[in-house]
Amino acid sequence: MEDIPSTLISQEDEIVDKLHSLSNSKNAGFFD
C-alpha cells in the first residue's frame, strides 16, 4: 500500500464518495 501514490488514494476516496451519494439518492427511491 505504501508504494501507491497519495493522488490515487484521494482519487479513489472521491469516487467512493460519489458512489455512496449516488446509491443513497437512488436507493432512497427504489427501496422506500
PDB file of N, CA and C in Angstrom:
ATOM      1  N   MET A   1       0.832  -1.214   0.000  1.00  0.00           N
ATOM      2  CA  MET A   1       0.000   0.000   0.000  1.00  0.00           C
ATOM      3  C   MET A   1       0.863   1.259   0.000  1.00  0.00           C
ATOM      4  N   GLU A   2       2.086   1.132   0.552  1.00  0.00           N
ATOM      5  CA  GLU A   2       2.909   2.329   0.713  1.00  0.00           C
ATOM      6  C   GLU A   2       3.429   2.851  -0.619  1.00  0.00           C
ATOM      7  N   ASP A   3       3.492   1.994  -1.640  1.00  0.00           N
ATOM      8  CA  ASP A   3       4.032   2.430  -2.927  1.00  0.00           C
ATOM      9  C   ASP A   3       2.958   3.072  -3.802  1.00  0.00           C
ATOM     10  N   ILE A   4       1.728   3.083  -3.338  1.00  0.00           N
ATOM     11  CA  ILE A   4       0.652   3.715  -4.104  1.00  0.00           C
ATOM     12  C   ILE A   4       0.671   5.225  -3.870  1.00  0.00           C
ATOM     13  N   PRO A   5       0.692   6.013  -4.934  1.00  0.00           N
ATOM     14  CA  PRO A   5       0.697   7.477  -4.799  1.00  0.00           C
ATOM     15  C   PRO A   5      -0.538   7.969  -4.059  1.00  0.00           C
ATOM     16  N   SER A   6      -0.358   8.994  -3.245  1.00  0.00           N
ATOM     17  CA  SER A   6      -1.472   9.520  -2.458  1.00  0.00           C
ATOM     18  C   SER A   6      -2.553  10.104  -3.367  1.00  0.00           C
ATOM     19  N   THR A   7      -2.161  10.501  -4.582  1.00  0.00           N
ATOM     20  CA  THR A   7      -3.148  11.054  -5.507  1.00  0.00           C
ATOM     21  C   THR A   7      -4.162   9.994  -5.901  1.00  0.00           C
ATOM     22  N   LEU A   8      -3.678   8.764  -6.094  1.00  0.00           N
ATOM     23  CA  LEU A   8      -4.589   7.672  -6.435  1.00  0.00           C
ATOM     24  C   LEU A   8      -5.527   7.377  -5.280  1.00  0.00           C
ATOM     25  N   ILE A   9      -4.999   7.432  -4.062  1.00  0.00           N
ATOM     26  CA  ILE A   9      -5.819   7.145  -2.881  1.00  0.00           C
ATOM     27  C   ILE A   9      -6.910   8.203  -2.738  1.00  0.00           C
ATOM     28  N   SER A  10      -6.540   9.465  -2.862  1.00  0.00           N
ATOM     29  CA  SER A  10      -7.531  10.529  -2.728  1.00  0.00           C
ATOM     30  C   SER A  10      -8.542  10.456  -3.869  1.00  0.00           C
ATOM     31  N   GLN A  11      -8.079  10.053  -5.044  1.00  0.00           N
ATOM     32  CA  GLN A  11      -8.984   9.900  -6.179  1.00  0.00           C
ATOM     33  C   GLN A  11      -9.984   8.786  -5.903  1.00  0.00           C
ATOM     34  N   GLU A  12      -9.495   7.695  -5.333  1.00  0.00           N
ATOM     35  CA  GLU A  12     -10.367   6.572  -5.020  1.00  0.00           C
ATOM     36  C   GLU A  12     -11.392   6.976  -3.971  1.00  0.00           C
ATOM     37  N   ASP A  13     -10.945   7.730  -2.975  1.00  0.00           N
ATOM     38  CA  ASP A  13     -11.867   8.206  -1.940  1.00  0.00           C
ATOM     39  C   ASP A  13     -12.954   9.068  -2.560  1.00  0.00           C
ATOM     40  N   GLU A  14     -12.568   9.904  -3.520  1.00  0.00           N
ATOM     41  CA  GLU A  14     -13.538  10.778  -4.171  1.00  0.00           C
ATOM     42  C   GLU A  14     -14.575   9.951  -4.926  1.00  0.00           C
ATOM     43  N   ILE A  15     -14.118   8.921  -5.627  1.00  0.00           N
ATOM     44  CA  ILE A  15     -15.024   8.052  -6.387  1.00  0.00           C
ATOM     45  C   ILE A  15     -15.967   7.323  -5.439  1.00  0.00           C
ATOM     46  N   VAL A  16     -15.425   6.834  -4.329  1.00  0.00           N
ATOM     47  CA  VAL A  16     -16.249   6.127  -3.346  1.00  0.00           C
ATOM     48  C   VAL A  16     -17.320   7.063  -2.795  1.00  0.00           C
ATOM     49  N   ASP A  17     -16.929   8.310  -2.524  1.00  0.00           N
ATOM     50  CA  ASP A  17     -17.900   9.281  -2.014  1.00  0.00           C
ATOM     51  C   ASP A  17     -19.013   9.499  -3.027  1.00  0.00           C
ATOM     52  N   LYS A  18     -18.650   9.623  -4.301  1.00  0.00           N
ATOM     53  CA  LYS A  18     -19.658   9.834  -5.341  1.00  0.00           C
ATOM     54  C   LYS A  18     -20.581   8.627  -5.451  1.00  0.00           C
ATOM     55  N   LEU A  19     -20.000   7.434  -5.383  1.00  0.00           N
ATOM     56  CA  LEU A  19     -20.814   6.220  -5.457  1.00  0.00           C
ATOM     57  C   LEU A  19     -21.777   6.151  -4.285  1.00  0.00           C
ATOM     58  N   HIS A  20     -21.303   6.509  -3.107  1.00  0.00           N
ATOM     59  CA  HIS A  20     -22.163   6.464  -1.924  1.00  0.00           C
ATOM     60  C   HIS A  20     -23.320   7.447  -2.071  1.00  0.00           C
ATOM     61  N   SER A  21     -23.022   8.660  -2.505  1.00  0.00           N
ATOM     62  CA  SER A  21     -24.075   9.663  -2.632  1.00  0.00           C
ATOM     63  C   SER A  21     -25.053   9.266  -3.731  1.00  0.00           C
ATOM     64  N   LEU A  22     -24.533   8.664  -4.807  1.00  0.00           N
ATOM     65  CA  LEU A  22     -25.406   8.201  -5.885  1.00  0.00           C
ATOM     66  C   LEU A  22     -26.331   7.092  -5.400  1.00  0.00           C
ATOM     67  N   SER A  23     -25.754   6.090  -4.747  1.00  0.00           N
ATOM     68  CA  SER A  23     -26.555   4.956  -4.285  1.00  0.00           C
ATOM     69  C   SER A  23     -27.531   5.407  -3.213  1.00  0.00           C
ATOM     70  N   ASN A  24     -27.132   6.367  -2.396  1.00  0.00           N
ATOM     71  CA  ASN A  24     -28.025   6.849  -1.346  1.00  0.00           C
ATOM     72  C   ASN A  24     -29.249   7.529  -1.949  1.00  0.00           C
ATOM     73  N   SER A  25     -29.043   8.389  -2.940  1.00  0.00           N
ATOM     74  CA  SER A  25     -30.163   9.115  -3.530  1.00  0.00           C
ATOM     75  C   SER A  25     -31.050   8.175  -4.344  1.00  0.00           C
ATOM     76  N   LYS A  26     -30.437   7.235  -5.059  1.00  0.00           N
ATOM     77  CA  LYS A  26     -31.222   6.326  -5.897  1.00  0.00           C
ATOM     78  C   LYS A  26     -31.918   5.259  -5.052  1.00  0.00           C
ATOM     79  N   ASN A  27     -31.187   4.683  -4.090  1.00  0.00           N
ATOM     80  CA  ASN A  27     -31.758   3.628  -3.259  1.00  0.00           C
ATOM     81  C   ASN A  27     -32.920   4.152  -2.432  1.00  0.00           C
ATOM     82  N   ALA A  28     -32.888   5.420  -2.077  1.00  0.00           N
ATOM     83  CA  ALA A  28     -33.979   6.001  -1.301  1.00  0.00           C
ATOM     84  C   ALA A  28     -35.281   5.898  -2.093  1.00  0.00           C
ATOM     85  N   GLY A  29     -35.197   6.083  -3.412  1.00  0.00           N
ATOM     86  CA  GLY A  29     -36.397   5.998  -4.240  1.00  0.00           C
ATOM     87  C   GLY A  29     -36.781   4.561  -4.543  1.00  0.00           C
ATOM     88  N   PHE A  30     -35.788   3.706  -4.736  1.00  0.00           N
ATOM     89  CA  PHE A  30     -36.072   2.326  -5.135  1.00  0.00           C
ATOM     90  C   PHE A  30     -36.620   1.490  -3.988  1.00  0.00           C
ATOM     91  N   PHE A  31     -36.030   1.655  -2.808  1.00  0.00           N
ATOM     92  CA  PHE A  31     -36.345   0.734  -1.713  1.00  0.00           C
ATOM     93  C   PHE A  31     -37.196   1.370  -0.630  1.00  0.00           C
ATOM     94  N   ASP A  32     -37.756   2.521  -0.900  1.00  0.00           N
ATOM     95  CA  ASP A  32     -38.539   3.188   0.138  1.00  0.00           C
ATOM     96  C   ASP A  32     -39.834   2.429   0.398  1.00  0.00           C
TER      97      ASP A  32
END
